[in-house]
C-alpha atoms as a PDB file:
ATOM      1  CA  MET A   1      42.302  77.912  90.662  1.00  0.00           C
ATOM      2  CA  ARG A   2      44.950  75.464  91.864  1.00  0.00           C
ATOM      3  CA  ILE A   3      43.408  72.012  91.522  1.00  0.00           C
ATOM      4  CA  GLY A   4      45.005  68.872  92.923  1.00  0.00           C
ATOM      5  CA  ILE A   5      43.991  65.531  91.412  1.00  0.00           C
ATOM      6  CA  THR A   6      44.705  62.104  92.904  1.00  0.00           C
ATOM      7  CA  GLY A   7      44.620  59.300  90.354  1.00  0.00           C
ATOM      8  CA  ALA A   8      45.779  61.881  87.813  1.00  0.00           C
ATOM      9  CA  THR A   9      47.357  59.337  85.450  1.00  0.00           C
ATOM     10  CA  GLY A  10      44.195  57.244  85.253  1.00  0.00           C
ATOM     11  CA  PHE A  11      41.675  57.261  82.423  1.00  0.00           C
ATOM     12  CA  ILE A  12      39.442  59.943  83.966  1.00  0.00           C
ATOM     13  CA  GLY A  13      42.171  61.816  85.831  1.00  0.00           C
ATOM     14  CA  ARG A  14      44.217  62.511  82.692  1.00  0.00           C
ATOM     15  CA  ARG A  15      41.220  63.928  80.838  1.00  0.00           C
ATOM     16  CA  LEU A  16      40.169  66.011  83.835  1.00  0.00           C
ATOM     17  CA  ALA A  17      43.705  67.408  84.192  1.00  0.00           C
ATOM     18  CA  SER A  18      43.764  68.336  80.505  1.00  0.00           C
ATOM     19  CA  LEU A  19      40.371  70.059  80.673  1.00  0.00           C
ATOM     20  CA  ALA A  20      41.328  71.984  83.806  1.00  0.00           C
ATOM     21  CA  ARG A  21      44.568  73.112  82.203  1.00  0.00           C
ATOM     22  CA  ASP A  22      42.729  74.167  79.027  1.00  0.00           C
ATOM     23  CA  GLN A  23      40.408  76.333  81.148  1.00  0.00           C
ATOM     24  CA  GLY A  24      43.341  78.122  82.746  1.00  0.00           C
ATOM     25  CA  HIS A  25      43.617  76.260  86.054  1.00  0.00           C
ATOM     26  CA  ALA A  26      46.908  75.154  87.583  1.00  0.00           C
ATOM     27  CA  VAL A  27      46.996  71.396  88.088  1.00  0.00           C
ATOM     28  CA  VAL A  28      48.902  69.523  90.786  1.00  0.00           C
ATOM     29  CA  ALA A  29      48.821  65.872  89.748  1.00  0.00           C
ATOM     30  CA  TYR A  30      49.240  63.043  92.257  1.00  0.00           C
ATOM     31  CA  SER A  31      49.691  59.443  91.165  1.00  0.00           C
ATOM     32  CA  ARG A  32      51.110  56.147  92.358  1.00  0.00           C
ATOM     33  CA  GLY A  33      51.698  55.065  88.771  1.00  0.00           C
ATOM     34  CA  ARG A  34      54.587  55.756  86.434  1.00  0.00           C
ATOM     35  CA  ARG A  35      52.611  56.957  83.442  1.00  0.00           C
ATOM     36  CA  GLY A  36      52.917  60.585  82.516  1.00  0.00           C
ATOM     37  CA  VAL A  37      50.369  63.304  83.021  1.00  0.00           C
ATOM     38  CA  PRO A  38      49.480  66.003  80.487  1.00  0.00           C
ATOM     39  CA  ALA A  39      52.580  68.043  79.760  1.00  0.00           C
ATOM     40  CA  ALA A  40      51.164  71.331  81.011  1.00  0.00           C
ATOM     41  CA  SER A  41      50.388  69.963  84.479  1.00  0.00           C
ATOM     42  CA  GLU A  42      52.213  71.936  87.074  1.00  0.00           C
ATOM     43  CA  LYS A  43      53.667  69.131  89.152  1.00  0.00           C
ATOM     44  CA  LEU A  44      53.703  65.349  89.480  1.00  0.00           C
ATOM     45  CA  GLN A  45      53.914  63.883  92.962  1.00  0.00           C
ATOM     46  CA  GLN A  46      54.109  60.123  93.579  1.00  0.00           C
ATOM     47  CA  PRO A  47      52.600  59.405  96.991  1.00  0.00           C
ATOM     48  CA  ARG A  48      52.833  55.579  96.703  1.00  0.00           C
ATOM     49  CA  GLN A  49      50.338  54.174  99.198  1.00  0.00           C
ATOM     50  CA  ALA A  50      50.094  56.634 102.068  1.00  0.00           C
ATOM     51  CA  PRO A  51      48.042  59.852 102.114  1.00  0.00           C
ATOM     52  CA  HIS A  52      50.734  61.551 104.196  1.00  0.00           C
ATOM     53  CA  ALA A  53      52.987  61.353 101.118  1.00  0.00           C
ATOM     54  CA  LEU A  54      50.883  64.137  99.572  1.00  0.00           C
ATOM     55  CA  PRO A  55      53.128  67.076 100.459  1.00  0.00           C
ATOM     56  CA  GLU A  56      51.449  70.195 101.764  1.00  0.00           C
ATOM     57  CA  THR A  57      51.046  72.673  98.945  1.00  0.00           C
ATOM     58  CA  PRO A  58      48.526  75.490  98.429  1.00  0.00           C
ATOM     59  CA  LEU A  59      45.363  74.142  96.781  1.00  0.00           C
ATOM     60  CA  ASP A  60      41.909  75.543  96.140  1.00  0.00           C
ATOM     61  CA  VAL A  61      40.369  72.166  95.287  1.00  0.00           C
ATOM     62  CA  LEU A  62      41.409  68.544  95.712  1.00  0.00           C
ATOM     63  CA  VAL A  63      39.725  66.045  93.381  1.00  0.00           C
ATOM     64  CA  HIS A  64      40.181  62.543  94.789  1.00  0.00           C
ATOM     65  CA  LEU A  65      39.789  59.872  92.091  1.00  0.00           C
ATOM     66  CA  ALA A  66      42.249  57.175  93.196  1.00  0.00           C
ATOM     67  CA  GLY A  67      41.004  53.676  94.042  1.00  0.00           C
ATOM     68  CA  GLU A  68      41.341  49.969  93.288  1.00  0.00           C
ATOM     69  CA  SER A  69      39.657  48.860  90.059  1.00  0.00           C
ATOM     70  CA  LEU A  70      36.315  47.086  90.482  1.00  0.00           C
ATOM     71  CA  MET A  71      37.099  44.739  87.613  1.00  0.00           C
ATOM     72  CA  GLY A  72      38.191  41.211  88.421  1.00  0.00           C
ATOM     73  CA  LEU A  73      36.934  38.359  90.600  1.00  0.00           C
ATOM     74  CA  TRP A  74      35.532  39.640  93.866  1.00  0.00           C
ATOM     75  CA  THR A  75      37.510  37.368  96.138  1.00  0.00           C
ATOM     76  CA  GLU A  76      37.769  38.299  99.802  1.00  0.00           C
ATOM     77  CA  GLU A  77      41.199  39.750  99.077  1.00  0.00           C
ATOM     78  CA  LYS A  78      39.844  41.807  96.169  1.00  0.00           C
ATOM     79  CA  ARG A  79      36.937  43.138  98.241  1.00  0.00           C
ATOM     80  CA  ASP A  80      39.367  44.079 100.978  1.00  0.00           C
ATOM     81  CA  ARG A  81      41.544  46.013  98.514  1.00  0.00           C
ATOM     82  CA  ILE A  82      38.495  47.806  97.110  1.00  0.00           C
ATOM     83  CA  TRP A  83      37.332  48.838 100.580  1.00  0.00           C
ATOM     84  CA  LYS A  84      40.749  49.920 101.832  1.00  0.00           C
ATOM     85  CA  SER A  85      41.653  51.882  98.707  1.00  0.00           C
ATOM     86  CA  ARG A  86      38.380  53.820  98.807  1.00  0.00           C
ATOM     87  CA  VAL A  87      37.016  54.046 102.350  1.00  0.00           C
ATOM     88  CA  ASP A  88      40.099  53.633 104.532  1.00  0.00           C
ATOM     89  CA  PHE A  89      42.361  55.642 102.236  1.00  0.00           C
ATOM     90  CA  THR A  90      39.876  58.514 102.052  1.00  0.00           C
ATOM     91  CA  GLU A  91      39.534  58.576 105.839  1.00  0.00           C
ATOM     92  CA  ALA A  92      43.323  58.780 106.136  1.00  0.00           C
ATOM     93  CA  LEU A  93      43.492  61.416 103.404  1.00  0.00           C
ATOM     94  CA  VAL A  94      40.999  63.678 105.163  1.00  0.00           C
ATOM     95  CA  ALA A  95      42.868  63.229 108.447  1.00  0.00           C
ATOM     96  CA  HIS A  96      46.089  64.172 106.646  1.00  0.00           C
ATOM     97  CA  LEU A  97      44.487  67.307 105.196  1.00  0.00           C
ATOM     98  CA  GLY A  98      43.622  68.262 108.765  1.00  0.00           C
ATOM     99  CA  THR A  99      47.356  68.580 109.464  1.00  0.00           C
ATOM    100  CA  TRP A 100      47.823  71.154 106.699  1.00  0.00           C
ATOM    101  CA  SER A 101      47.940  74.813 107.568  1.00  0.00           C
ATOM    102  CA  PRO A 102      44.571  76.542 106.950  1.00  0.00           C
ATOM    103  CA  GLU A 103      46.036  78.817 104.275  1.00  0.00           C
ATOM    104  CA  ASN A 104      47.184  75.823 102.182  1.00  0.00           C
ATOM    105  CA  ARG A 105      44.339  73.401 102.853  1.00  0.00           C
ATOM    106  CA  PRO A 106      41.935  73.078  99.888  1.00  0.00           C
ATOM    107  CA  ARG A 107      38.598  74.794 100.378  1.00  0.00           C
ATOM    108  CA  THR A 108      36.849  72.015  98.459  1.00  0.00           C
ATOM    109  CA  LEU A 109      37.152  68.210  98.359  1.00  0.00           C
ATOM    110  CA  VAL A 110      35.582  66.508  95.343  1.00  0.00           C
ATOM    111  CA  CYS A 111      35.577  62.757  95.948  1.00  0.00           C
ATOM    112  CA  ALA A 112      34.755  59.948  93.559  1.00  0.00           C
ATOM    113  CA  SER A 113      31.887  57.621  94.381  1.00  0.00           C
ATOM    114  CA  GLY A 114      29.640  55.561  92.120  1.00  0.00           C
ATOM    115  CA  ALA A 115      26.115  54.974  90.882  1.00  0.00           C
ATOM    116  CA  GLY A 116      26.421  51.684  92.766  1.00  0.00           C
ATOM    117  CA  PHE A 117      25.428  53.765  95.818  1.00  0.00           C
ATOM    118  CA  TYR A 118      21.794  53.149  94.786  1.00  0.00           C
ATOM    119  CA  GLY A 119      22.118  49.359  94.586  1.00  0.00           C
ATOM    120  CA  ASP A 120      19.991  47.514  92.024  1.00  0.00           C
ATOM    121  CA  THR A 121      17.093  49.893  91.345  1.00  0.00           C
ATOM    122  CA  GLY A 122      15.228  47.699  88.876  1.00  0.00           C
ATOM    123  CA  ALA A 123      13.115  49.860  86.544  1.00  0.00           C
ATOM    124  CA  SER A 124      12.750  52.678  89.100  1.00  0.00           C
ATOM    125  CA  SER A 125      14.522  55.976  88.469  1.00  0.00           C
ATOM    126  CA  VAL A 126      16.766  57.486  91.139  1.00  0.00           C
ATOM    127  CA  ASP A 127      18.337  60.907  91.613  1.00  0.00           C
ATOM    128  CA  GLU A 128      20.641  62.487  94.183  1.00  0.00           C
ATOM    129  CA  SER A 129      17.856  62.575  96.795  1.00  0.00           C
ATOM    130  CA  SER A 130      17.248  58.809  96.608  1.00  0.00           C
ATOM    131  CA  PRO A 131      18.373  56.582  99.498  1.00  0.00           C
ATOM    132  CA  ARG A 132      21.290  54.201  99.303  1.00  0.00           C
ATOM    133  CA  GLY A 133      20.620  50.673  98.161  1.00  0.00           C
ATOM    134  CA  ALA A 134      21.858  47.264  99.273  1.00  0.00           C
ATOM    135  CA  GLY A 135      24.930  45.269  98.361  1.00  0.00           C
ATOM    136  CA  PHE A 136      28.707  45.439  98.535  1.00  0.00           C
ATOM    137  CA  LEU A 137      29.021  48.356  96.096  1.00  0.00           C
ATOM    138  CA  ALA A 138      26.366  50.354  97.938  1.00  0.00           C
ATOM    139  CA  ASP A 139      28.235  49.733 101.196  1.00  0.00           C
ATOM    140  CA  VAL A 140      31.529  50.828  99.640  1.00  0.00           C
ATOM    141  CA  CYS A 141      30.068  53.980  98.101  1.00  0.00           C
ATOM    142  CA  ALA A 142      28.256  54.939 101.304  1.00  0.00           C
ATOM    143  CA  GLY A 143      31.414  54.412 103.355  1.00  0.00           C
ATOM    144  CA  TRP A 144      33.472  56.324 100.788  1.00  0.00           C
ATOM    145  CA  GLU A 145      31.114  59.294 100.926  1.00  0.00           C
ATOM    146  CA  ARG A 146      31.004  59.280 104.736  1.00  0.00           C
ATOM    147  CA  ALA A 147      34.794  59.359 104.809  1.00  0.00           C
ATOM    148  CA  ALA A 148      34.866  62.330 102.419  1.00  0.00           C
ATOM    149  CA  GLN A 149      32.183  64.188 104.359  1.00  0.00           C
ATOM    150  CA  ARG A 150      34.475  64.274 107.394  1.00  0.00           C
ATOM    151  CA  ALA A 151      36.280  67.090 105.570  1.00  0.00           C
ATOM    152  CA  GLU A 152      33.290  69.325 106.344  1.00  0.00           C
ATOM    153  CA  ALA A 153      34.551  69.478 109.938  1.00  0.00           C
ATOM    154  CA  LEU A 154      37.687  71.125 108.498  1.00  0.00           C
ATOM    155  CA  GLY A 155      35.551  73.810 106.868  1.00  0.00           C
ATOM    156  CA  MET A 156      35.782  72.263 103.424  1.00  0.00           C
ATOM    157  CA  ARG A 157      32.993  72.057 100.859  1.00  0.00           C
ATOM    158  CA  VAL A 158      32.484  68.387  99.926  1.00  0.00           C
ATOM    159  CA  VAL A 159      31.125  67.025  96.637  1.00  0.00           C
ATOM    160  CA  THR A 160      30.739  63.299  95.919  1.00  0.00           C
ATOM    161  CA  LEU A 161      30.635  62.064  92.324  1.00  0.00           C
ATOM    162  CA  ARG A 162      28.231  59.155  91.776  1.00  0.00           C
ATOM    163  CA  THR A 163      29.612  58.076  88.439  1.00  0.00           C
ATOM    164  CA  GLY A 164      28.131  55.562  86.034  1.00  0.00           C
ATOM    165  CA  MET A 165      29.965  53.676  83.260  1.00  0.00           C
ATOM    166  CA  VAL A 166      32.315  56.182  81.635  1.00  0.00           C
ATOM    167  CA  LEU A 167      32.716  55.602  77.891  1.00  0.00           C
ATOM    168  CA  GLY A 168      35.934  56.682  76.193  1.00  0.00           C
ATOM    169  CA  ARG A 169      38.469  55.359  73.704  1.00  0.00           C
ATOM    170  CA  GLU A 170      41.430  55.492  76.065  1.00  0.00           C
ATOM    171  CA  GLY A 171      40.168  53.487  79.023  1.00  0.00           C
ATOM    172  CA  GLY A 172      37.310  52.103  81.064  1.00  0.00           C
ATOM    173  CA  ALA A 173      35.124  49.328  79.677  1.00  0.00           C
ATOM    174  CA  PHE A 174      34.697  50.622  76.122  1.00  0.00           C
ATOM    175  CA  PRO A 175      37.981  49.391  74.527  1.00  0.00           C
ATOM    176  CA  LEU A 176      37.256  45.819  75.654  1.00  0.00           C
ATOM    177  CA  LEU A 177      33.613  46.034  74.590  1.00  0.00           C
ATOM    178  CA  ARG A 178      34.670  47.342  71.195  1.00  0.00           C
ATOM    179  CA  ARG A 179      37.019  44.393  70.666  1.00  0.00           C
ATOM    180  CA  VAL A 180      34.453  41.811  71.758  1.00  0.00           C
ATOM    181  CA  PHE A 181      31.595  43.290  69.735  1.00  0.00           C
ATOM    182  CA  GLY A 182      33.916  43.964  66.787  1.00  0.00           C
ATOM    183  CA  LEU A 183      34.563  40.217  66.593  1.00  0.00           C
ATOM    184  CA  GLY A 184      30.824  39.557  66.518  1.00  0.00           C
ATOM    185  CA  LEU A 185      30.954  38.004  69.995  1.00  0.00           C
ATOM    186  CA  GLY A 186      28.775  40.565  71.781  1.00  0.00           C
ATOM    187  CA  GLY A 187      25.392  39.931  73.304  1.00  0.00           C
ATOM    188  CA  ARG A 188      23.088  40.708  76.176  1.00  0.00           C
ATOM    189  CA  LEU A 189      23.816  39.677  79.742  1.00  0.00           C
ATOM    190  CA  GLY A 190      21.169  37.662  81.543  1.00  0.00           C
ATOM    191  CA  SER A 191      17.679  38.944  80.780  1.00  0.00           C
ATOM    192  CA  GLY A 192      19.040  42.181  79.306  1.00  0.00           C
ATOM    193  CA  GLN A 193      16.409  44.125  81.235  1.00  0.00           C
ATOM    194  CA  GLN A 194      18.826  45.533  83.825  1.00  0.00           C
ATOM    195  CA  TRP A 195      19.391  49.287  83.481  1.00  0.00           C
ATOM    196  CA  MET A 196      22.758  50.785  82.655  1.00  0.00           C
ATOM    197  CA  SER A 197      23.718  54.356  83.511  1.00  0.00           C
ATOM    198  CA  TRP A 198      26.580  55.577  81.356  1.00  0.00           C
ATOM    199  CA  ILE A 199      28.280  58.818  80.326  1.00  0.00           C
ATOM    200  CA  HIS A 200      30.715  59.926  77.619  1.00  0.00           C
ATOM    201  CA  ILE A 201      34.114  60.919  79.032  1.00  0.00           C
ATOM    202  CA  ASP A 202      33.793  64.483  77.679  1.00  0.00           C
ATOM    203  CA  ASP A 203      30.553  65.071  79.580  1.00  0.00           C
ATOM    204  CA  ALA A 204      31.916  63.349  82.683  1.00  0.00           C
ATOM    205  CA  VAL A 205      34.987  65.541  83.116  1.00  0.00           C
ATOM    206  CA  GLN A 206      33.048  68.717  82.341  1.00  0.00           C
ATOM    207  CA  ILE A 207      30.528  67.942  85.084  1.00  0.00           C
ATOM    208  CA  MET A 208      33.361  67.119  87.488  1.00  0.00           C
ATOM    209  CA  LEU A 209      35.168  70.383  86.795  1.00  0.00           C
ATOM    210  CA  ARG A 210      31.947  72.396  87.106  1.00  0.00           C
ATOM    211  CA  ALA A 211      31.258  70.747  90.461  1.00  0.00           C
ATOM    212  CA  ALA A 212      34.813  71.496  91.588  1.00  0.00           C
ATOM    213  CA  THR A 213      34.672  75.171  90.674  1.00  0.00           C
ATOM    214  CA  THR A 214      31.059  76.041  91.554  1.00  0.00           C
ATOM    215  CA  GLU A 215      31.043  77.168  95.183  1.00  0.00           C
ATOM    216  CA  SER A 216      27.292  76.647  95.607  1.00  0.00           C
ATOM    217  CA  THR A 217      27.509  72.918  94.756  1.00  0.00           C
ATOM    218  CA  HIS A 218      27.869  70.400  97.549  1.00  0.00           C
ATOM    219  CA  GLY A 219      26.817  66.844  98.311  1.00  0.00           C
ATOM    220  CA  PRO A 220      26.193  64.130  95.699  1.00  0.00           C
ATOM    221  CA  VAL A 221      26.331  64.756  91.955  1.00  0.00           C
ATOM    222  CA  ASN A 222      25.242  61.993  89.572  1.00  0.00           C
ATOM    223  CA  VAL A 223      27.810  61.819  86.774  1.00  0.00           C
ATOM    224  CA  CYS A 224      25.581  59.995  84.290  1.00  0.00           C
ATOM    225  CA  ALA A 225      23.899  60.870  81.005  1.00  0.00           C
ATOM    226  CA  PRO A 226      20.111  61.383  81.053  1.00  0.00           C
ATOM    227  CA  GLY A 227      19.603  58.564  78.534  1.00  0.00           C
ATOM    228  CA  ALA A 228      20.012  55.435  80.696  1.00  0.00           C
ATOM    229  CA  VAL A 229      19.283  52.248  78.745  1.00  0.00           C
ATOM    230  CA  THR A 230      18.667  48.569  79.400  1.00  0.00           C
ATOM    231  CA  ASN A 231      21.479  46.127  78.773  1.00  0.00           C
ATOM    232  CA  ALA A 232      19.599  44.787  75.748  1.00  0.00           C
ATOM    233  CA  GLU A 233      19.398  48.286  74.250  1.00  0.00           C
ATOM    234  CA  PHE A 234      23.055  48.967  75.064  1.00  0.00           C
ATOM    235  CA  THR A 235      23.983  45.749  73.245  1.00  0.00           C
ATOM    236  CA  GLN A 236      21.877  46.582  70.202  1.00  0.00           C
ATOM    237  CA  LYS A 237      23.197  50.128  69.858  1.00  0.00           C
ATOM    238  CA  LEU A 238      26.857  49.145  70.206  1.00  0.00           C
ATOM    239  CA  ALA A 239      26.462  46.342  67.671  1.00  0.00           C
ATOM    240  CA  ALA A 240      24.747  48.753  65.263  1.00  0.00           C
ATOM    241  CA  ALA A 241      27.506  51.362  65.671  1.00  0.00           C
ATOM    242  CA  LEU A 242      30.124  48.719  64.845  1.00  0.00           C
ATOM    243  CA  HIS A 243      28.018  47.126  62.067  1.00  0.00           C
ATOM    244  CA  ARG A 244      28.322  43.733  63.739  1.00  0.00           C
ATOM    245  CA  PRO A 245      25.797  41.146  64.898  1.00  0.00           C
ATOM    246  CA  ALA A 246      25.240  40.561  68.621  1.00  0.00           C
ATOM    247  CA  PHE A 247      23.823  37.062  68.752  1.00  0.00           C
ATOM    248  CA  PHE A 248      25.623  35.778  71.805  1.00  0.00           C
ATOM    249  CA  HIS A 249      23.841  35.632  75.135  1.00  0.00           C
ATOM    250  CA  ALA A 250      25.527  35.145  78.515  1.00  0.00           C
ATOM    251  CA  PRO A 251      23.029  33.358  80.801  1.00  0.00           C
ATOM    252  CA  ALA A 252      22.722  34.691  84.318  1.00  0.00           C
ATOM    253  CA  PHE A 253      23.582  31.332  85.928  1.00  0.00           C
ATOM    254  CA  ALA A 254      26.852  31.137  83.969  1.00  0.00           C
ATOM    255  CA  LEU A 255      27.877  34.669  84.948  1.00  0.00           C
ATOM    256  CA  ARG A 256      27.118  33.939  88.599  1.00  0.00           C
ATOM    257  CA  LEU A 257      29.120  30.721  88.431  1.00  0.00           C
ATOM    258  CA  LEU A 258      32.143  32.373  86.843  1.00  0.00           C
ATOM    259  CA  LEU A 259      32.166  35.769  88.523  1.00  0.00           C
ATOM    260  CA  ARG A 260      30.452  35.149  91.860  1.00  0.00           C
ATOM    261  CA  GLY A 261      29.265  38.318  93.647  1.00  0.00           C
ATOM    262  CA  MET A 262      30.543  40.650  90.940  1.00  0.00           C
ATOM    263  CA  ALA A 263      27.989  39.298  88.449  1.00  0.00           C
ATOM    264  CA  ASP A 264      24.849  40.270  90.364  1.00  0.00           C
ATOM    265  CA  GLU A 265      26.011  43.771  91.245  1.00  0.00           C
ATOM    266  CA  MET A 266      27.948  44.880  88.157  1.00  0.00           C
ATOM    267  CA  LEU A 267      26.462  42.856  85.294  1.00  0.00           C
ATOM    268  CA  LEU A 268      23.000  41.562  86.204  1.00  0.00           C
ATOM    269  CA  GLY A 269      21.843  44.494  88.329  1.00  0.00           C
ATOM    270  CA  GLY A 270      21.888  48.184  87.548  1.00  0.00           C
ATOM    271  CA  GLN A 271      20.642  51.690  88.111  1.00  0.00           C
ATOM    272  CA  ARG A 272      18.407  54.050  86.147  1.00  0.00           C
ATOM    273  CA  VAL A 273      19.987  57.311  87.252  1.00  0.00           C
ATOM    274  CA  ILE A 274      18.748  60.873  86.628  1.00  0.00           C
ATOM    275  CA  PRO A 275      21.507  63.555  86.674  1.00  0.00           C
ATOM    276  CA  ARG A 276      19.533  66.368  88.337  1.00  0.00           C
ATOM    277  CA  ALA A 277      22.535  68.103  89.915  1.00  0.00           C
ATOM    278  CA  ALA A 278      24.319  68.272  86.555  1.00  0.00           C
ATOM    279  CA  GLY A 279      21.348  70.229  85.200  1.00  0.00           C
ATOM    280  CA  ASP A 280      21.472  72.529  88.217  1.00  0.00           C
ATOM    281  CA  LEU A 281      25.134  73.155  87.390  1.00  0.00           C
ATOM    282  CA  GLY A 282      24.085  74.308  83.928  1.00  0.00           C
ATOM    283  CA  HIS A 283      25.732  71.426  82.111  1.00  0.00           C
ATOM    284  CA  VAL A 284      24.384  70.803  78.608  1.00  0.00           C
ATOM    285  CA  PHE A 285      25.138  67.239  77.548  1.00  0.00           C
ATOM    286  CA  HIS A 286      27.101  66.813  74.342  1.00  0.00           C
ATOM    287  CA  TYR A 287      26.056  63.158  74.267  1.00  0.00           C
ATOM    288  CA  PRO A 288      22.664  62.785  75.965  1.00  0.00           C
ATOM    289  CA  GLU A 289      21.783  59.637  74.012  1.00  0.00           C
ATOM    290  CA  LEU A 290      23.808  56.450  73.681  1.00  0.00           C
ATOM    291  CA  ALA A 291      23.676  56.269  69.888  1.00  0.00           C
ATOM    292  CA  SER A 292      25.389  59.658  69.544  1.00  0.00           C
ATOM    293  CA  ALA A 293      28.038  58.674  72.097  1.00  0.00           C
ATOM    294  CA  PHE A 294      28.837  55.445  70.257  1.00  0.00           C
ATOM    295  CA  LYS A 295      28.941  57.282  66.935  1.00  0.00           C
ATOM    296  CA  ALA A 296      31.547  59.672  68.339  1.00  0.00           C
ATOM    297  CA  LEU A 297      33.588  56.849  69.875  1.00  0.00           C
ATOM    298  CA  VAL A 298      33.721  54.541  66.829  1.00  0.00           C
END
């Protein structure tokens, strides 16, 4: 297949491009950044900000991963950038694909989303059939998915990837967590009872590629490991893997004071996600439990 990837120089995009190449697919990599993509990628386009800068080229699948990072203070300006880079950009991207000739237009759009779609689920488990939750992240994810689903009117199969915390050495949250916990400064956040849905990068990109290349798959796919844990358990297992104590505790009121809205949705709330669609795809997790993922990473 010819697979286009937006955000191809990002943490997940680079690994997905490499896996696709290793499995014999041609990769067309799109990125606004200046970092390189895996050497065997077929082409590097640099569309800057506008979807119309993606030149028309024959594709079987387009995997859309680009978007503003969620990390940082959620000021009004930051929230606006998050919304525009995900919802508005995806709407414009789908409209742009509508201008492509039918023979070149991808048959499938695989669009990033997030486990934040479910809001704060407390101790309740959720799967792909569960309703959306409340909060800014849930609003963003729901709007993002609606924008992607407009591609169905173009005759395209649409898959949305509700991804949890992706753990890998090269990017995401893990390098920072490793430094903090390695210094003995780690600890639980708030009560520690909030659930965390995570996935090792190897499992994540394999599920994404299976979803992209399996014609019978459509709609949401939870890109999370089956072994969701509480924040307290996450803290304990990472500290054990690094052979470091984790005595520090960040009180909820302090996190809310420092980080405002981001604290409640990203640090003090969480989701206990079940990856049912990944099982339907036939994916066998290499790292179903957090301890084995941390062992591989450290």
